[in-house]
Amino acid sequence: MAPAPIDRGLISRPAASSDEIQLRIDPMHADLDEEIDGLHRKIRQLKGVAQEIETEAKFQNDFITQLQMTLIKAQAGVKNNMRRMNKSIIQKGSNHLVHVILFTLFCFFVVYFWSKISRR
């Protein structure tokens, strides 16, 4: 039985046992080892990049979780303060609003009279 060429310089031969196949690499295609070594290096580099990406993703996930917790606490604080302000406005009445309106009117009249006096 003649050896059957398989691919790029590999030749298969039947061995003594029918379950075994012997492979012989043609010396003209010895650069396959170099190709394989190059592929191994690239795979190692890709593995390193993948691990760095995983580490960065975990870090960013933890950071986002902390931001969410901070936001939840801030929202609770704002809600508490709004509740307190509403209670104080209800208890004290709308006197505060009246004072603000009176102050605004007073400032308007001061500016109005000042502009009248400065034109003379």
Protein backbone atom coordinates (compact mmCIF):
# COMPACT_ATOMS: atom_id res chain seq x y z
CA MET A 1 0.00 0.00 0.00
CA ALA A 2 1.45 3.37 -1.00
CA PRO A 3 1.69 6.19 1.52
CA ALA A 4 -1.16 8.66 1.12
CA PRO A 5 -0.29 12.36 1.31
CA ILE A 6 -2.43 14.17 3.87
CA ASP A 7 -1.51 17.87 3.95
CA ARG A 8 1.54 20.12 3.56
CA GLY A 9 4.27 17.53 3.81
CA LEU A 10 2.62 15.10 6.21
CA ILE A 11 2.61 11.51 5.03
CA SER A 12 0.68 8.75 6.71
CA ARG A 13 1.88 5.16 6.70
CA PRO A 14 0.09 2.17 7.99
CA ALA A 15 1.76 0.85 11.12
CA ALA A 16 2.13 -2.70 12.34
CA SER A 17 -1.17 -2.48 14.11
CA SER A 18 -4.26 -1.33 12.25
CA ASP A 19 -5.16 1.14 15.05
CA GLU A 20 -1.93 3.15 14.73
CA ILE A 21 -0.94 5.69 12.12
CA GLN A 22 2.60 6.96 11.84
CA LEU A 23 3.18 10.51 10.66
CA ARG A 24 6.39 11.78 9.17
CA ILE A 25 6.94 15.51 8.65
CA ASP A 26 8.59 16.45 5.42
CA PRO A 27 11.75 18.53 6.13
CA MET A 28 10.70 21.04 3.48
CA HIS A 29 7.79 22.02 5.70
CA ALA A 30 9.69 22.25 8.98
CA ASP A 31 8.45 25.81 9.41
CA LEU A 32 5.22 24.33 10.77
CA ASP A 33 6.88 24.11 14.20
CA GLU A 34 7.67 27.80 14.01
CA GLU A 35 4.08 28.52 12.99
CA ILE A 36 2.81 26.47 15.92
CA ASP A 37 5.15 28.27 18.33
CA GLY A 38 3.98 31.61 16.96
CA LEU A 39 0.37 30.58 17.44
CA HIS A 40 1.13 29.49 21.02
CA ARG A 41 2.64 32.91 21.76
CA LYS A 42 -0.36 34.68 20.28
CA ILE A 43 -2.73 32.50 22.29
CA ARG A 44 -0.82 33.35 25.48
CA GLN A 45 -1.07 37.06 24.62
CA LEU A 46 -4.79 36.74 23.97
CA LYS A 47 -5.22 34.92 27.27
CA GLY A 48 -3.41 37.75 29.07
CA VAL A 49 -5.58 40.36 27.36
CA ALA A 50 -8.72 38.39 28.25
CA GLN A 51 -7.63 38.23 31.89
CA GLU A 52 -6.96 41.98 31.95
CA ILE A 53 -10.39 42.63 30.43
CA GLU A 54 -11.99 40.40 33.05
CA THR A 55 -10.16 42.23 35.86
CA GLU A 56 -11.19 45.63 34.48
CA ALA A 57 -14.81 44.48 34.06
CA LYS A 58 -14.92 43.30 37.69
CA PHE A 59 -13.43 46.61 38.87
CA GLN A 60 -15.94 48.64 36.89
CA ASN A 61 -18.81 46.44 38.08
CA ASP A 62 -17.79 47.03 41.71
CA PHE A 63 -17.47 50.77 41.03
CA ILE A 64 -20.96 50.90 39.50
CA THR A 65 -22.37 48.99 42.46
CA GLN A 66 -20.82 51.52 44.85
CA LEU A 67 -22.23 54.39 42.80
CA GLN A 68 -25.68 52.83 42.90
CA MET A 69 -25.49 52.47 46.68
CA THR A 70 -24.38 56.09 47.02
CA LEU A 71 -27.23 57.22 44.78
CA ILE A 72 -29.76 55.22 46.80
CA LYS A 73 -28.49 56.81 50.02
CA ALA A 74 -28.60 60.29 48.48
CA GLN A 75 -32.15 59.74 47.24
CA ALA A 76 -33.21 58.60 50.71
CA GLY A 77 -31.61 61.70 52.24
CA VAL A 78 -33.34 64.04 49.78
CA LYS A 79 -36.67 62.31 50.39
CA ASN A 80 -36.20 62.70 54.16
CA ASN A 81 -35.33 66.38 53.84
CA MET A 82 -38.33 67.02 51.57
CA ARG A 83 -40.59 65.33 54.13
CA ARG A 84 -39.13 67.52 56.92
CA MET A 85 -39.52 70.69 54.86
CA ASN A 86 -43.13 69.86 54.04
CA LYS A 87 -43.86 69.22 57.72
CA SER A 88 -42.27 72.52 58.77
CA ILE A 89 -44.16 74.47 56.08
CA ILE A 90 -47.44 72.89 57.17
CA GLN A 91 -46.73 73.54 60.88
CA LYS A 92 -45.57 77.14 60.45
CA GLY A 93 -48.09 77.94 57.77
CA SER A 94 -47.34 79.93 54.67
CA ASN A 95 -45.84 82.90 56.59
CA HIS A 96 -42.51 82.23 54.97
CA LEU A 97 -43.99 82.68 51.52
CA VAL A 98 -45.64 85.94 52.60
CA HIS A 99 -42.30 87.22 53.90
CA VAL A 100 -40.58 86.38 50.61
CA ILE A 101 -43.29 88.17 48.60
CA LEU A 102 -43.11 91.25 50.84
CA PHE A 103 -39.32 91.35 50.57
CA THR A 104 -39.55 91.11 46.78
CA LEU A 105 -42.07 93.97 46.65
CA PHE A 106 -39.90 96.06 48.95
CA CYS A 107 -36.85 95.49 46.72
CA PHE A 108 -38.89 96.37 43.63
CA PHE A 109 -40.07 99.67 45.16
CA VAL A 110 -36.57 100.55 46.33
CA VAL A 111 -35.19 100.02 42.82
CA TYR A 112 -38.15 101.92 41.31
CA PHE A 113 -37.75 104.96 43.57
CA TRP A 114 -33.99 104.92 43.19
CA SER A 115 -34.33 104.97 39.39
CA LYS A 116 -36.83 107.91 39.66
CA ILE A 117 -34.47 109.87 41.90
CA SER A 118 -31.40 109.19 39.75
CA ARG A 119 -33.14 110.54 36.59
CA ARG A 120 -33.53 114.02 38.05
